[in-house]
Amino acid sequence: MSVPYQIPGRAPNDEDRSLVSQYWREQFTEEPYYSDGERFEDYEPAYHAGHEARVRNFNLAYEQVEAELHRDWDSTKGSQTLSWSKARHAVRRAWERAGQE
């Protein structure tokens, strides 16, 4: 399944977010950072953060935005159970995948 092409710099709409969620819901248990018993719902915000950051920062390397993503995660994660040390792997994978589309 492929998420449709997005215009670089344009925030994804609800349909795009749904497609991103659908892809990662099917894929996340195959990722090397996944541990048995973890829930997709815990990872979903990280996948959206990575995907949307890539769309906004299409001309930058991940390393150039990782510190900002970390700050954003820590300040907005709310009741999310994933720490940045766990979420960062999902954020990066979503970033990489968004760059391949």
C-alpha atoms as a PDB file:
ATOM      1  CA  MET A   1       0.000   0.000   0.000  1.00  0.00           C
ATOM      2  CA  SER A   2       1.304   3.415  -0.876  1.00  0.00           C
ATOM      3  CA  VAL A   3       0.447   6.827   0.485  1.00  0.00           C
ATOM      4  CA  PRO A   4      -0.291   9.203  -2.406  1.00  0.00           C
ATOM      5  CA  TYR A   5       2.322  11.742  -3.438  1.00  0.00           C
ATOM      6  CA  GLN A   6       2.238  14.898  -1.350  1.00  0.00           C
ATOM      7  CA  ILE A   7       3.364  18.313  -2.407  1.00  0.00           C
ATOM      8  CA  PRO A   8       6.533  19.043  -0.396  1.00  0.00           C
ATOM      9  CA  GLY A   9       5.969  21.600   2.334  1.00  0.00           C
ATOM     10  CA  ARG A  10       2.211  21.006   2.456  1.00  0.00           C
ATOM     11  CA  ALA A  11       0.740  19.486   5.595  1.00  0.00           C
ATOM     12  CA  PRO A  12      -1.050  16.178   5.071  1.00  0.00           C
ATOM     13  CA  ASN A  13      -4.829  16.203   5.195  1.00  0.00           C
ATOM     14  CA  ASP A  14      -7.031  13.756   7.119  1.00  0.00           C
ATOM     15  CA  GLU A  15      -7.082  11.284   4.234  1.00  0.00           C
ATOM     16  CA  ASP A  16      -3.277  11.292   4.060  1.00  0.00           C
ATOM     17  CA  ARG A  17      -3.079  10.760   7.825  1.00  0.00           C
ATOM     18  CA  SER A  18      -5.483   7.822   7.541  1.00  0.00           C
ATOM     19  CA  LEU A  19      -3.349   6.224   4.841  1.00  0.00           C
ATOM     20  CA  VAL A  20      -0.198   6.698   6.907  1.00  0.00           C
ATOM     21  CA  SER A  21      -1.919   5.084   9.886  1.00  0.00           C
ATOM     22  CA  GLN A  22      -3.188   2.217   7.758  1.00  0.00           C
ATOM     23  CA  TYR A  23       0.284   1.463   6.393  1.00  0.00           C
ATOM     24  CA  TRP A  24       1.999   1.538   9.777  1.00  0.00           C
ATOM     25  CA  ARG A  25      -0.772  -0.417  11.505  1.00  0.00           C
ATOM     26  CA  GLU A  26       0.020  -3.276   9.121  1.00  0.00           C
ATOM     27  CA  GLN A  27       3.800  -2.819   9.316  1.00  0.00           C
ATOM     28  CA  PHE A  28       4.797  -1.799  12.839  1.00  0.00           C
ATOM     29  CA  THR A  29       5.088  -5.305  14.296  1.00  0.00           C
ATOM     30  CA  GLU A  30       7.757  -6.072  11.662  1.00  0.00           C
ATOM     31  CA  GLU A  31       9.964  -3.156  12.705  1.00  0.00           C
ATOM     32  CA  PRO A  32      13.152  -3.971  14.664  1.00  0.00           C
ATOM     33  CA  TYR A  33      12.224  -1.607  17.510  1.00  0.00           C
ATOM     34  CA  TYR A  34       8.872  -3.322  18.140  1.00  0.00           C
ATOM     35  CA  SER A  35       8.535  -5.476  21.279  1.00  0.00           C
ATOM     36  CA  ASP A  36       5.854  -8.098  21.825  1.00  0.00           C
ATOM     37  CA  GLY A  37       2.716  -6.673  23.369  1.00  0.00           C
ATOM     38  CA  GLU A  38       3.231  -3.074  22.257  1.00  0.00           C
ATOM     39  CA  ARG A  39       0.210  -1.371  20.755  1.00  0.00           C
ATOM     40  CA  PHE A  40      -0.033   0.464  17.453  1.00  0.00           C
ATOM     41  CA  GLU A  41      -1.907   3.283  19.196  1.00  0.00           C
ATOM     42  CA  ASP A  42       1.231   4.040  21.202  1.00  0.00           C
ATOM     43  CA  TYR A  43       3.324   4.354  18.050  1.00  0.00           C
ATOM     44  CA  GLU A  44       0.787   6.130  15.842  1.00  0.00           C
ATOM     45  CA  PRO A  45       1.651   9.697  16.967  1.00  0.00           C
ATOM     46  CA  ALA A  46       5.326   8.978  16.280  1.00  0.00           C
ATOM     47  CA  TYR A  47       4.556   7.804  12.744  1.00  0.00           C
ATOM     48  CA  HIS A  48       2.532  10.927  12.074  1.00  0.00           C
ATOM     49  CA  ALA A  49       5.249  13.143  13.553  1.00  0.00           C
ATOM     50  CA  GLY A  50       7.906  11.625  11.303  1.00  0.00           C
ATOM     51  CA  HIS A  51       5.781  11.658   8.168  1.00  0.00           C
ATOM     52  CA  GLU A  52       4.585  15.227   8.645  1.00  0.00           C
ATOM     53  CA  ALA A  53       8.069  16.470   9.534  1.00  0.00           C
ATOM     54  CA  ARG A  54       9.420  15.013   6.293  1.00  0.00           C
ATOM     55  CA  VAL A  55       6.700  16.709   4.266  1.00  0.00           C
ATOM     56  CA  ARG A  56       7.471  20.053   5.938  1.00  0.00           C
ATOM     57  CA  ASN A  57      11.263  19.656   5.770  1.00  0.00           C
ATOM     58  CA  PHE A  58      11.709  17.786   2.502  1.00  0.00           C
ATOM     59  CA  ASN A  59      14.990  19.542   1.754  1.00  0.00           C
ATOM     60  CA  LEU A  60      16.663  18.738   5.094  1.00  0.00           C
ATOM     61  CA  ALA A  61      18.373  15.636   6.429  1.00  0.00           C
ATOM     62  CA  TYR A  62      16.780  13.865   9.379  1.00  0.00           C
ATOM     63  CA  GLU A  63      19.768  14.739  11.552  1.00  0.00           C
ATOM     64  CA  GLN A  64      19.025  18.421  10.972  1.00  0.00           C
ATOM     65  CA  VAL A  65      15.536  18.152  12.465  1.00  0.00           C
ATOM     66  CA  GLU A  66      15.879  15.363  15.034  1.00  0.00           C
ATOM     67  CA  ALA A  67      16.557  17.702  17.979  1.00  0.00           C
ATOM     68  CA  GLU A  68      13.444  19.728  17.134  1.00  0.00           C
ATOM     69  CA  LEU A  69      11.377  16.553  16.788  1.00  0.00           C
ATOM     70  CA  HIS A  70      12.660  15.426  20.188  1.00  0.00           C
ATOM     71  CA  ARG A  71      11.663  18.738  21.806  1.00  0.00           C
ATOM     72  CA  ASP A  72       8.253  18.612  20.144  1.00  0.00           C
ATOM     73  CA  TRP A  73       7.696  15.017  21.279  1.00  0.00           C
ATOM     74  CA  ASP A  74       8.602  15.788  24.873  1.00  0.00           C
ATOM     75  CA  SER A  75       6.427  18.910  24.983  1.00  0.00           C
ATOM     76  CA  THR A  76       3.348  17.507  23.219  1.00  0.00           C
ATOM     77  CA  LYS A  77       3.289  13.799  23.931  1.00  0.00           C
ATOM     78  CA  GLY A  78       0.816  14.272  26.774  1.00  0.00           C
ATOM     79  CA  SER A  79      -0.331  10.896  28.010  1.00  0.00           C
ATOM     80  CA  GLN A  80       1.558   8.957  25.346  1.00  0.00           C
ATOM     81  CA  THR A  81       3.373   6.021  26.841  1.00  0.00           C
ATOM     82  CA  LEU A  82       6.390   6.056  24.538  1.00  0.00           C
ATOM     83  CA  SER A  83       9.466   7.920  25.663  1.00  0.00           C
ATOM     84  CA  TRP A  84      11.515   9.681  23.004  1.00  0.00           C
ATOM     85  CA  SER A  85      14.146   6.940  23.207  1.00  0.00           C
ATOM     86  CA  LYS A  86      11.493   4.496  21.974  1.00  0.00           C
ATOM     87  CA  ALA A  87       9.468   6.837  19.735  1.00  0.00           C
ATOM     88  CA  ARG A  88      12.487   8.189  17.854  1.00  0.00           C
ATOM     89  CA  HIS A  89      12.902   4.945  15.913  1.00  0.00           C
ATOM     90  CA  ALA A  90       9.316   5.075  14.667  1.00  0.00           C
ATOM     91  CA  VAL A  91       9.620   8.787  13.878  1.00  0.00           C
ATOM     92  CA  ARG A  92      12.732   8.133  11.810  1.00  0.00           C
ATOM     93  CA  ARG A  93      11.204   5.188   9.931  1.00  0.00           C
ATOM     94  CA  ALA A  94       8.158   7.270   9.036  1.00  0.00           C
ATOM     95  CA  TRP A  95      10.479  10.101   7.940  1.00  0.00           C
ATOM     96  CA  GLU A  96      12.429   7.712   5.716  1.00  0.00           C
ATOM     97  CA  ARG A  97       9.312   6.178   4.209  1.00  0.00           C
ATOM     98  CA  ALA A  98       7.761   9.576   3.474  1.00  0.00           C
ATOM     99  CA  GLY A  99      10.947  10.476   1.594  1.00  0.00           C
ATOM    100  CA  GLN A 100      10.595   7.405  -0.631  1.00  0.00           C
ATOM    101  CA  GLU A 101       7.092   8.244  -1.808  1.00  0.00           C
END
